[in-house]
Structures are given as structure tokens and as C-alpha cells.
Protein backbone atom coordinates (compact mmCIF):
# COMPACT_ATOMS: atom_id res chain seq x y z
CA MET A 1 -31.25 -0.65 -22.95
CA SER A 2 -28.18 -3.26 -24.00
CA GLU A 3 -29.49 -5.97 -26.17
CA ARG A 4 -27.41 -8.51 -24.24
CA VAL A 5 -26.87 -9.65 -21.71
CA TYR A 6 -23.69 -9.67 -19.83
CA ASP A 7 -22.55 -13.02 -17.07
CA LEU A 8 -20.56 -10.32 -15.27
CA VAL A 9 -20.26 -6.09 -15.40
CA ILE A 10 -17.54 -4.43 -13.04
CA ILE A 11 -17.52 -1.09 -12.15
CA GLY A 12 -13.83 -0.10 -12.13
CA SER A 13 -10.80 -1.05 -13.01
CA GLY A 14 -8.20 -1.03 -10.74
CA PRO A 15 -6.14 -3.65 -9.51
CA GLY A 16 -9.24 -5.60 -7.97
CA GLY A 17 -11.40 -4.80 -11.05
CA TYR A 18 -9.60 -5.85 -13.61
CA ILE A 19 -7.72 -9.33 -12.22
CA ALA A 20 -11.55 -9.75 -11.95
CA ALA A 21 -12.32 -9.58 -15.39
CA VAL A 22 -9.51 -11.77 -15.98
CA ARG A 23 -10.35 -14.48 -13.76
CA ALA A 24 -13.73 -14.41 -15.49
CA ALA A 25 -13.03 -14.81 -19.09
CA GLN A 26 -10.80 -17.91 -18.57
CA LEU A 27 -13.71 -19.05 -16.39
CA GLY A 28 -15.72 -18.87 -19.95
CA MET A 29 -18.17 -15.86 -19.00
CA THR A 30 -18.53 -12.93 -20.81
CA VAL A 31 -17.26 -9.53 -19.30
CA ALA A 32 -17.83 -5.85 -19.28
CA ILE A 33 -15.46 -3.69 -17.20
CA VAL A 34 -16.61 -0.45 -16.43
CA GLU A 35 -13.81 2.68 -15.78
CA ALA A 36 -14.27 7.18 -16.02
CA GLY A 37 -10.94 7.28 -15.97
CA ALA A 38 -7.72 5.25 -17.28
CA LEU A 39 -7.41 1.22 -17.32
CA GLY A 40 -5.67 0.58 -13.35
CA GLY A 41 -7.66 2.64 -11.48
CA VAL A 42 -5.32 4.00 -8.64
CA CYS A 43 -2.81 1.57 -8.20
CA LEU A 44 -0.99 1.74 -12.02
CA ASN A 45 -2.24 5.64 -12.51
CA VAL A 46 -2.06 7.06 -8.86
CA GLY A 47 -0.93 5.25 -6.61
CA CYS A 48 1.69 2.31 -6.06
CA ILE A 49 3.19 1.88 -9.54
CA PRO A 50 3.86 6.09 -10.07
CA THR A 51 4.97 6.48 -6.17
CA LYS A 52 7.67 3.37 -6.35
CA ALA A 53 8.35 4.81 -10.02
CA LEU A 54 9.67 7.93 -7.88
CA LEU A 55 11.10 6.24 -5.28
CA HIS A 56 13.52 4.03 -7.19
CA SER A 57 14.75 7.40 -8.34
CA ALA A 58 15.05 8.87 -4.91
CA ASP A 59 17.31 5.88 -3.94
CA LEU A 60 19.51 5.56 -7.18
CA LEU A 61 20.07 8.94 -6.28
CA ASP A 62 20.96 8.28 -2.23
CA GLU A 63 23.44 5.67 -3.77
CA VAL A 64 24.99 7.47 -6.48
CA ARG A 65 25.73 10.09 -3.91
CA GLU A 66 27.44 7.50 -1.20
CA GLY A 67 29.29 6.41 -4.64
CA LYS A 68 32.74 7.19 -3.18
CA ARG A 69 32.37 4.65 -0.66
CA PHE A 70 32.13 1.51 -3.27
CA GLY A 71 34.45 3.48 -5.30
CA ILE A 72 32.51 5.68 -7.28
CA MET A 73 33.69 9.26 -8.28
CA VAL A 74 30.78 11.19 -9.24
CA GLU A 75 31.27 14.87 -10.27
CA GLY A 76 28.55 17.00 -10.96
CA LEU A 77 26.11 15.03 -9.62
CA SER A 78 22.30 17.29 -10.11
CA PHE A 79 18.91 15.64 -9.27
CA ASP A 80 16.07 16.07 -12.50
CA LEU A 81 12.75 16.08 -11.28
CA ALA A 82 11.13 16.65 -14.59
CA GLY A 83 13.44 13.53 -15.71
CA ALA A 84 12.50 11.64 -12.37
CA MET A 85 9.12 12.58 -13.05
CA LYS A 86 8.99 11.40 -17.43
CA HIS A 87 10.61 7.67 -16.27
CA LYS A 88 7.43 7.14 -13.87
CA ASP A 89 4.75 8.13 -16.79
CA ALA A 90 6.77 6.05 -19.19
CA VAL A 91 5.80 3.35 -16.00
CA VAL A 92 2.41 4.33 -15.81
CA LYS A 93 1.24 4.46 -19.11
CA ALA A 94 3.33 0.01 -19.71
CA SER A 95 1.89 -0.49 -16.97
CA THR A 96 -1.89 1.06 -18.75
CA ASP A 97 -1.26 -0.53 -21.46
CA GLY A 98 -0.39 -3.78 -20.06
CA VAL A 99 -4.09 -4.19 -18.82
CA ALA A 100 -5.84 -2.51 -22.09
CA PHE A 101 -3.60 -5.98 -23.79
CA LEU A 102 -4.90 -7.99 -21.25
CA MET A 103 -9.46 -6.43 -21.78
CA LYS A 104 -8.75 -7.17 -24.95
CA LYS A 105 -7.06 -10.58 -25.27
CA ASN A 106 -9.56 -12.09 -22.86
CA LYS A 107 -12.13 -10.50 -24.49
CA VAL A 108 -13.76 -7.66 -22.13
CA GLU A 109 -15.83 -5.13 -23.19
CA VAL A 110 -14.06 -1.71 -21.99
CA VAL A 111 -17.27 0.35 -21.30
CA ALA A 112 -15.18 4.42 -20.71
CA GLY A 113 -17.77 6.06 -18.93
CA TRP A 114 -19.19 6.85 -15.04
CA GLY A 115 -20.61 3.63 -13.57
CA ARG A 116 -24.10 3.33 -11.12
CA LEU A 117 -26.30 0.36 -9.69
CA ALA A 118 -29.95 1.05 -11.90
CA GLY A 119 -32.21 -1.98 -10.14
CA ARG A 120 -31.83 -5.16 -10.26
CA GLY A 121 -28.81 -6.95 -12.78
CA GLN A 122 -28.07 -3.68 -14.58
CA VAL A 123 -25.73 -1.03 -14.40
CA HIS A 124 -26.01 2.44 -15.94
CA VAL A 125 -23.30 4.62 -17.39
CA GLN A 126 -22.80 7.86 -18.05
CA LEU A 127 -20.56 7.93 -21.47
CA ASN A 128 -16.92 10.08 -21.29
CA ALA A 129 -17.98 10.42 -24.73
CA GLY A 130 -21.32 11.43 -23.88
CA GLY A 131 -24.92 9.66 -23.86
CA GLU A 132 -25.69 6.53 -21.68
CA ARG A 133 -25.96 3.02 -21.64
CA THR A 134 -27.92 0.79 -19.04
CA LEU A 135 -25.62 -2.67 -19.00
CA ALA A 136 -27.49 -6.21 -18.22
CA ALA A 137 -25.72 -8.81 -15.93
CA LYS A 138 -26.23 -11.58 -14.37
CA GLN A 139 -23.96 -11.03 -11.23
CA ILE A 140 -21.97 -7.20 -11.30
CA ILE A 141 -18.91 -6.42 -9.00
CA VAL A 142 -18.47 -2.96 -7.66
CA ALA A 143 -15.05 -2.14 -7.39
CA THR A 144 -14.78 1.79 -7.19
CA GLY A 145 -12.19 2.14 -5.16
CA ALA A 146 -11.05 5.41 -2.69
CA ARG A 147 -9.76 8.76 -2.85
CA PRO A 148 -7.49 10.76 -0.43
CA ARG A 149 -9.00 11.77 2.69
CA PRO A 150 -8.66 15.75 3.25
CA PHE A 151 -7.60 16.65 6.69
CA PRO A 152 -10.78 17.93 7.96
CA GLY A 153 -11.83 22.31 7.10
CA VAL A 154 -9.17 22.27 4.38
CA GLU A 155 -9.25 21.29 1.36
CA PHE A 156 -6.70 19.99 -1.53
CA ASP A 157 -5.79 23.18 -3.60
CA GLY A 158 -2.78 20.70 -5.56
CA GLN A 159 -0.51 24.30 -4.76
CA ARG A 160 0.28 24.06 -0.75
CA VAL A 161 -2.42 21.27 -0.11
CA LEU A 162 -0.92 17.84 -1.54
CA SER A 163 -2.74 14.56 -1.14
CA SER A 164 -0.40 11.61 -2.44
CA THR A 165 -2.51 12.42 -5.97
CA ASP A 166 -1.63 15.94 -6.23
CA ALA A 167 2.28 15.07 -4.94
CA LEU A 168 3.09 12.50 -7.51
CA LYS A 169 3.26 15.52 -10.24
CA LEU A 170 4.90 18.35 -8.39
CA SER A 171 7.16 21.21 -11.12
CA ALA A 172 9.46 21.78 -8.34
CA VAL A 173 11.31 19.68 -5.04
CA PRO A 174 9.93 21.45 -2.59
CA LYS A 175 11.97 23.87 -0.27
CA SER A 176 10.56 21.99 2.92
CA LEU A 177 7.78 19.75 3.36
CA LEU A 178 5.78 18.63 6.28
CA ALA A 179 3.81 15.10 5.75
CA ILE A 180 0.45 14.61 8.49
CA GLY A 181 -0.15 10.88 8.95
CA ALA A 182 2.99 8.44 9.61
CA GLY A 183 1.24 5.83 7.86
CA ALA A 184 2.64 4.51 4.60
CA ILE A 185 2.23 7.03 2.11
CA GLY A 186 2.92 9.56 4.29
CA VAL A 187 6.84 7.90 5.08
CA GLU A 188 7.11 7.04 1.75
CA PHE A 189 6.60 10.96 0.68
CA ALA A 190 8.96 12.02 3.39
CA SER A 191 11.78 10.06 2.37
CA MET A 192 11.09 9.98 -1.31
CA TYR A 193 11.53 13.60 -1.17
CA ARG A 194 13.70 13.81 1.74
CA ALA A 195 16.02 12.39 -1.11
CA PHE A 196 15.25 15.40 -3.58
CA GLY A 197 16.94 17.80 -2.08
CA ALA A 198 13.82 19.17 0.49
CA GLU A 199 13.26 19.35 4.13
CA VAL A 200 10.70 16.80 5.50
CA SER A 201 9.06 16.32 8.53
CA VAL A 202 6.52 14.41 9.41
CA VAL A 203 3.44 14.51 12.10
CA GLU A 204 1.12 10.95 13.29
CA ALA A 205 -1.52 11.29 15.93
CA LEU A 206 -0.57 8.37 17.39
CA PRO A 207 2.16 6.80 19.48
CA ARG A 208 4.30 6.00 16.83
CA ILE A 209 5.24 6.29 13.29
CA VAL A 210 4.08 3.29 11.16
CA PRO A 211 1.58 2.23 13.95
CA ASN A 212 0.42 -0.63 12.08
CA GLU A 213 4.51 -2.23 12.04
CA ASP A 214 5.87 -3.83 14.84
CA GLU A 215 7.31 -1.41 17.51
CA GLU A 216 10.90 -2.02 16.97
CA VAL A 217 9.99 -1.19 13.64
CA SER A 218 8.91 2.16 14.51
CA ALA A 219 12.06 2.51 16.92
CA GLU A 220 14.09 2.19 13.51
CA LEU A 221 12.59 4.17 11.42
CA VAL A 222 12.96 7.19 13.98
CA LYS A 223 17.00 6.33 13.97
CA ALA A 224 17.09 5.65 9.62
CA PHE A 225 14.97 9.31 9.08
CA GLN A 226 16.87 11.28 11.90
CA ARG A 227 20.23 9.56 10.05
CA ARG A 228 18.62 11.03 7.50
CA GLY A 229 17.62 14.63 8.46
CA ILE A 230 13.50 14.00 8.36
CA LYS A 231 11.78 15.12 11.17
CA THR A 232 9.51 13.04 13.34
CA LEU A 233 6.92 14.10 15.69
CA ALA A 234 4.41 11.34 16.72
CA GLY A 235 1.60 11.53 19.52
CA ALA A 236 1.24 15.26 17.70
CA ARG A 237 -2.42 16.25 17.55
CA VAL A 238 -2.81 19.06 14.41
CA GLU A 239 -5.36 22.27 15.94
CA SER A 240 -4.99 24.12 12.80
CA ILE A 241 -3.67 24.63 8.99
CA ASP A 242 -2.90 28.04 7.79
CA VAL A 243 -2.94 28.36 4.09
CA GLY A 244 -0.91 31.31 2.65
CA ASP A 245 0.35 32.58 -0.53
CA GLU A 246 3.65 31.15 0.31
CA GLN A 247 3.32 28.84 3.28
CA VAL A 248 1.59 26.68 5.68
CA VAL A 249 1.23 26.74 8.66
CA VAL A 250 0.27 23.72 11.54
CA THR A 251 -0.35 24.37 15.12
CA LEU A 252 0.05 21.24 16.98
CA THR A 253 -0.57 19.80 19.97
CA ALA A 254 2.70 17.34 21.45
CA ALA A 255 2.35 14.19 23.35
CA ASP A 256 4.04 16.49 26.34
CA GLY A 257 1.11 18.90 25.87
CA LYS A 258 3.22 21.84 24.48
CA GLN A 259 2.09 23.25 21.65
CA GLN A 260 4.21 24.23 18.58
CA GLN A 261 3.93 26.33 15.49
CA LEU A 262 5.44 24.52 11.80
CA ALA A 263 5.71 27.27 9.24
CA VAL A 264 6.64 24.41 5.78
CA ALA A 265 6.29 25.53 1.96
CA GLN A 266 3.72 22.66 1.05
CA LEU A 267 2.13 19.79 3.30
CA LEU A 268 0.86 16.32 2.29
CA VAL A 269 -1.93 14.88 3.77
CA ALA A 270 -1.91 11.27 3.88
CA ILE A 271 -4.45 10.81 6.97
CA GLY A 272 -6.29 7.75 5.46
CA ILE A 273 -8.89 6.90 2.57
CA LEU A 274 -12.57 8.08 1.48
CA PRO A 275 -14.35 6.04 -0.41
CA ASN A 276 -15.84 6.35 -3.94
CA THR A 277 -19.42 4.84 -3.01
CA GLU A 278 -21.95 7.34 -2.75
CA ASP A 279 -23.96 7.71 -4.90
CA ILE A 280 -23.53 5.24 -7.33
CA GLY A 281 -27.01 3.22 -6.39
CA LEU A 282 -25.99 0.94 -3.94
CA GLU A 283 -28.86 1.82 -0.77
CA ALA A 284 -31.40 0.59 -3.42
CA ALA A 285 -29.73 -2.26 -4.48
CA GLY A 286 -29.91 -3.84 -1.00
CA VAL A 287 -26.28 -2.85 -0.06
CA GLN A 288 -24.98 -2.13 3.20
CA ARG A 289 -21.99 0.05 3.65
CA ASN A 290 -20.77 0.95 7.65
CA ALA A 291 -20.35 3.94 9.19
CA ARG A 292 -17.17 5.00 7.15
CA GLY A 293 -18.96 4.75 4.20
CA PHE A 294 -17.39 1.75 3.61
CA ILE A 295 -19.10 -1.64 2.28
CA GLU A 296 -19.82 -4.65 3.68
CA THR A 297 -19.85 -8.28 2.46
CA ASP A 298 -19.71 -11.96 3.77
CA GLY A 299 -16.30 -14.04 3.68
CA THR A 300 -17.30 -14.76 -0.09
CA MET A 301 -17.14 -10.99 -0.70
CA ARG A 302 -20.85 -10.67 -1.58
CA ALA A 303 -22.62 -7.83 -0.73
CA ALA A 304 -26.00 -8.88 -1.57
CA ASP A 305 -28.13 -10.51 -4.04
CA GLY A 306 -26.33 -10.62 -6.89
CA ILE A 307 -23.84 -7.67 -6.53
CA TYR A 308 -20.09 -8.34 -4.58
CA ALA A 309 -17.70 -5.46 -3.76
CA ILE A 310 -13.64 -5.50 -3.18
CA GLY A 311 -10.80 -3.82 -2.98
CA ASP A 312 -10.55 -0.42 -1.63
CA CYS A 313 -14.69 0.73 -1.39
CA VAL A 314 -15.38 -2.39 1.26
CA ALA A 315 -14.75 -2.79 5.16
CA ALA A 316 -12.08 -5.29 4.75
CA VAL A 317 -8.13 -4.22 5.90
CA PRO A 318 -5.55 -3.77 4.77
CA TRP A 319 -6.71 -1.55 1.70
CA LEU A 320 -4.02 -2.65 -0.22
CA ALA A 321 -3.03 -3.70 -3.86
CA HIS A 322 -2.53 -7.44 -3.57
CA LYS A 323 -5.16 -7.92 -1.57
CA ALA A 324 -8.15 -6.31 -3.83
CA SER A 325 -6.89 -9.11 -6.52
CA ALA A 326 -7.44 -11.73 -4.18
CA GLU A 327 -10.65 -10.55 -3.50
CA GLY A 328 -11.34 -9.84 -6.98
CA VAL A 329 -10.50 -14.17 -8.14
CA LEU A 330 -12.46 -14.82 -4.55
CA ALA A 331 -15.74 -13.56 -6.03
CA VAL A 332 -15.25 -14.13 -9.31
CA GLU A 333 -14.25 -18.02 -8.52
CA HIS A 334 -17.67 -18.21 -5.50
CA LEU A 335 -19.86 -16.29 -8.50
CA ALA A 336 -19.39 -18.98 -10.86
CA GLY A 337 -20.35 -21.33 -8.04
CA LEU A 338 -17.19 -23.08 -7.65
CA HIS A 339 -14.43 -24.20 -4.13
CA VAL A 340 -13.86 -21.13 -2.40
CA THR A 341 -11.77 -20.87 0.81
CA PRO A 342 -12.58 -17.13 2.53
CA ILE A 343 -9.24 -14.92 2.81
CA ASP A 344 -7.58 -14.30 5.81
CA TYR A 345 -6.34 -11.00 6.80
CA GLY A 346 -4.26 -12.01 9.21
CA LYS A 347 -2.13 -13.18 6.53
CA ILE A 348 -1.56 -9.96 3.79
CA ALA A 349 1.65 -9.01 3.87
CA ALA A 350 1.82 -5.37 3.85
CA CYS A 351 4.80 -3.29 2.37
CA THR A 352 5.90 0.46 2.55
CA TYR A 353 8.70 1.27 0.07
CA CYS A 354 10.21 4.36 2.14
CA SER A 355 14.46 3.75 2.83
CA PRO A 356 14.47 1.81 4.53
CA GLU A 357 12.02 -0.52 3.60
CA ILE A 358 9.99 -1.71 5.61
CA ALA A 359 7.33 -5.18 5.57
CA SER A 360 5.59 -7.45 7.60
CA VAL A 361 3.05 -10.15 7.74
CA GLY A 362 1.70 -11.50 10.05
CA LEU A 363 1.16 -10.76 14.29
CA SER A 364 3.30 -8.30 15.98
CA GLU A 365 4.72 -8.77 18.99
CA ALA A 366 2.56 -6.85 21.73
CA ARG A 367 -0.65 -8.15 19.04
CA ALA A 368 0.49 -11.90 19.69
CA ARG A 369 0.60 -11.08 23.73
CA GLU A 370 -2.80 -9.16 23.62
CA GLN A 371 -4.21 -11.74 21.49
CA GLY A 372 -2.50 -14.88 24.31
CA TYR A 373 -0.02 -15.89 23.14
CA ASP A 374 2.98 -17.47 25.14
CA VAL A 375 5.04 -15.88 22.70
CA LYS A 376 9.03 -16.31 21.85
CA VAL A 377 11.19 -13.88 19.64
CA GLY A 378 14.29 -14.03 17.47
CA LYS A 379 15.59 -11.33 16.05
CA PHE A 380 18.87 -10.99 13.76
CA PRO A 381 19.95 -7.35 12.26
CA PHE A 382 21.20 -6.25 8.94
CA SER A 383 24.89 -5.60 10.54
CA ALA A 384 25.53 -9.40 10.77
CA ASN A 385 24.64 -9.29 7.58
CA GLY A 386 27.57 -10.46 4.46
CA LYS A 387 25.19 -8.31 1.70
CA ALA A 388 23.82 -6.08 3.60
CA ARG A 389 27.36 -5.86 3.89
CA VAL A 390 27.90 -5.07 0.23
CA LEU A 391 25.30 -3.30 -0.61
CA GLY A 392 26.55 -0.14 1.86
CA GLN A 393 23.25 -0.57 3.88
CA SER A 394 24.09 -2.16 7.08
CA ARG A 395 23.77 0.41 9.56
CA PHE A 396 20.04 -0.27 10.26
CA GLY A 397 17.70 -2.82 10.40
CA PHE A 398 16.67 -6.58 11.41
CA VAL A 399 14.31 -9.40 10.51
CA LYS A 400 12.46 -9.67 13.57
CA LEU A 401 10.07 -13.24 13.98
CA VAL A 402 7.32 -14.22 17.08
CA ALA A 403 6.15 -17.38 17.33
CA ASP A 404 4.03 -19.23 19.24
CA ARG A 405 6.08 -20.87 22.08
CA ARG A 406 3.97 -23.99 23.06
CA TYR A 407 3.36 -24.97 19.55
CA GLY A 408 6.09 -23.11 17.87
CA GLU A 409 3.47 -21.61 14.91
CA LEU A 410 4.96 -18.86 13.08
CA LEU A 411 2.40 -15.99 13.97
CA GLY A 412 4.53 -12.92 12.22
CA MET A 413 7.18 -11.93 10.64
CA HIS A 414 8.69 -8.40 10.57
CA MET A 415 11.13 -6.64 8.60
CA ILE A 416 12.82 -2.97 7.97
CA GLY A 417 15.97 -2.74 6.09
CA PRO A 418 17.50 -3.52 2.67
CA ARG A 419 14.90 -4.43 -0.13
CA VAL A 420 13.14 -6.18 2.53
CA THR A 421 9.97 -5.78 0.75
CA GLU A 422 10.72 -9.16 -1.76
CA LEU A 423 12.38 -10.82 1.31
CA ILE A 424 8.84 -11.03 3.01
CA SER A 425 7.90 -13.38 0.60
CA GLU A 426 9.30 -16.55 2.07
CA GLY A 427 6.67 -14.81 5.48
CA GLY A 428 3.79 -14.91 3.01
CA LEU A 429 4.39 -18.56 2.17
CA ALA A 430 5.46 -19.73 6.26
CA LEU A 431 2.25 -18.37 7.49
CA THR A 432 0.06 -19.24 5.09
CA HIS A 433 1.88 -23.08 5.37
CA GLU A 434 1.31 -23.32 9.11
CA ALA A 435 5.50 -23.50 9.55
CA THR A 436 7.88 -23.32 12.97
CA GLY A 437 10.49 -21.65 13.93
CA GLU A 438 11.69 -25.49 13.64
CA SER A 439 10.83 -25.42 10.11
CA LEU A 440 12.73 -22.36 9.90
CA LEU A 441 15.50 -23.21 10.58
CA GLN A 442 16.11 -26.71 9.41
CA THR A 443 15.59 -24.63 5.82
CA ILE A 444 18.92 -23.57 4.57
CA HIS A 445 18.95 -20.05 3.09
CA ALA A 446 21.99 -19.16 0.34
CA HIS A 447 24.60 -16.88 0.98
CA PRO A 448 25.46 -14.28 0.58
CA THR A 449 21.75 -13.01 1.20
CA LEU A 450 19.70 -10.62 2.56
CA TYR A 451 17.11 -13.37 3.12
CA GLU A 452 20.03 -15.82 4.86
CA ALA A 453 19.02 -12.80 7.77
CA ILE A 454 15.33 -14.84 8.00
CA GLY A 455 17.73 -18.22 9.39
CA GLU A 456 19.69 -16.13 11.41
CA ALA A 457 17.00 -14.93 12.67
CA ALA A 458 14.69 -18.48 13.47
CA HIS A 459 18.31 -19.96 15.13
CA ALA A 460 17.64 -16.90 17.30
CA LEU A 461 14.42 -17.91 17.83
CA GLU A 462 14.91 -21.43 18.72
CA HIS A 463 18.52 -21.82 20.91
CA GLY A 464 17.95 -17.77 21.97
CA THR A 465 21.08 -16.70 20.06
CA ALA A 466 22.10 -16.49 15.37
CA LEU A 467 24.74 -17.76 14.66
CA ASN A 468 26.95 -15.19 13.19
CA LEU A 469 26.03 -12.95 16.03
């Protein structure tokens, strides 16, 4: 039993846990963070950061292939997956080293081991180095994250059946790859490995790919993927998966009721996540989980007396790194007695880094109508944007604004096209400040830029037509 009583002990060092630790230290708390793996959790090690590093290699490869149109001649172009993986690993190391530096700078004690709740105000740690330790804490934050969800009855083997983690450490580009699940993870890996040279297909059980996005965005991505040679099949139900030594055969029923089989070298299962909430002492501590195992919390991220939970292990969606960080700050400030405002989960931006990129915040057109709004829409294509033409990326994509007709309030911003994961910042600011289409219209957007497409969409929203269309 530790003689020291910490103000806060955090279980998990992902983007929720380590940010919570930093904020707590800034507020003068004594903090320990328990981590069984590498600092940074899934996001920095086997999630956001390494995936985007490989996607950057994919984007560069595609851009060089198009070099001739920009007057750049490249002979003997080839791709080295090992080199891309080396870059990815270097980016990951720099990121995790950065977290270690932050812990040291803020005097946060890092305890390497598997932590679980062990009674009121106690965290028992099975140390990685051997032995055990029990930490005493005035407050505890559970930030244990989640892991890839396997297809029922089919385990990940890292060879033929891949999780997103497995797909980040392949030694060779698959000859053919099928992704089951066309959410962000599925389409990002599909986009990446298509650029690397694989034959790629994507299957989605729901009626359209990227089903959480606006319907027009989904349709645009289908067109872009078709041009790149990525096959998409939505509304398809997987009936069986037969894993062999040389291939994986997937039998499915398409939306029209017809059954077909797809044989591929490797299968990526991207159908969601499972929370890391088993056998960590939650029930004995009075923490409630929902039917899927995710922790229930209130608006301040409190799960029980003296216990908070944040990130991918909690029921609140979306499960995103920046959402976890915001929850970490909220939880710490609440337990410190500061005034806090609950997170508005409907105003958190989502970004998907396939090619073309997708970004959105707020309500889609369909969801706004479902909620009873009298909706008006403004839209502007990147085909009419000068900077997109300069970049050679004007073939696909648009900015779409959704607003309430009665009061003019902006309800949602949806984008597909070049670098939109950066452009969406204006949408997030607009929604949190309750901007209107008129206020966006009055914001003068610099030229030539990609983000002036937002201003053009605002013209279309307010006046029925854009200026440069």
C-alpha cells in the first residue's frame, strides 16, 4: 500500500488520460497515471497518428503519379512500404516521447502496469516489471480506451484477418484487400492501400458508405472511389467468412437480395470498437456500464462517487481523440471545483482522412429535417475554386452548409475535398458561437484559398446562388 495519497490517479494515458493529467498538474494537484502499454494510448501508437502518417505517404505517392500535369517528370517511380512504415514509426516515437516529456515537465508520476479499481479511492496496479502496487487517490479517472471489434465468430489473426492495428504493421502490400465496414477506419485504410497498389473493395451493412456523414458526402465519396478503382458495396450483409491459407472468402447478400462471394488476400474488419472495461473493478466501485460495456457518466464525466470516466470507454459518442481530451479537461476542472459547461457532443467536428478528405460538424441536412427544422442549404463545389484547381484537386468535392430558415442559425457544415480536415475549424467555431449564414457571408474569405469555398457556400445559402458558379 502506497503511503502517499494522490489528489488524482488516472488509469490510461491516451489523449484523454494524459491531457487530464496535464490539466490536473496545472491546477496544482499531485497526479499519477497508470499505463500498461506505451504512453499515448491507441491514438498515438496504433490509431490516429500512425494511420495519418501512412495516409500522408499515400497522398504523396498519388501526387507524384500526377506530377506530369504539373510539369514534373518522374521516371522509375516505385513505392517502398518499409520506408513508409519507418516514417510512421518515427512519427509515433516523437509523439510518445512528447507525452513522456509532458509527464516529466508537469511532475506526473507514471506507473507502468495494468490498473484496476480496488475499493474506494484505491487503484491496484500489476506492475509491468513484476510485483504489485496500490495507489491511494482522492479522485480517480478511468480512461482505459477501447480496442477493435472482431467480426462475430472470426478472430483477428494478423495474417489474413486484420484489425486496424494489424493493418499498420504489414510487411507487404496486399494483392487484394476487402474492408468490412465503411466508417472512417474502413475508408481510410481502403484509400491508403489502394494508393499503395492493392485491389480494394469496401462493404458496408448500412445503406451507404460513411453512414454518419451527410448523404451527399457519401454519394460523392462513392464517385471518387470508383474513379480510383475502389469498389464499394453498401446495404450488404456478410453471411460468412471462410479463412484459408491463401485467401479469405466472404459470402454476402447485396442490397438487391442477390448473394455473392468475394475472395481476397486479406480482410480488414472495421466494424467498431469494444471498450476496455472488463475486469477492472467497475461494478464493485458502483460504476454502471450499458449493454455494450461502455461506462455511463453524467454531464461532468462523473461515473460514481470519486470516479470519473472519459474517452472511448464511455458511452458518450463520438469516440474521437479530441473528444476524449475535452472530456479529460472537463472532468479535472469539475473535480477541482471549477465552474464547467457540459460538452455539446453535437458540435464536435469529425474528420476522415481518405482521399478525398471528409470533415463535418453539426447536423446533416436529413437529421436537421428529422429534428423539425425548416432547413435551407447552401453548397459550393471545389471544381469552381481556384486554389483547388491549382492543387489539381478540383474534380471532386464541395462545401455544404445547413441552416435554420427561420432564424438563420447555422446547423451543420459538411465538406469533402482537398484539405477539408483543416478547413472544418471554421465550422466548429461557427457552431459554438451560434453563427448564422449571414455572419458567414459577412466574413471576408481570403483569395485564393480553399476555405473561400465556405464563403461561396454562404452566398448560396443566403442568396440562392454562389458568386463564382
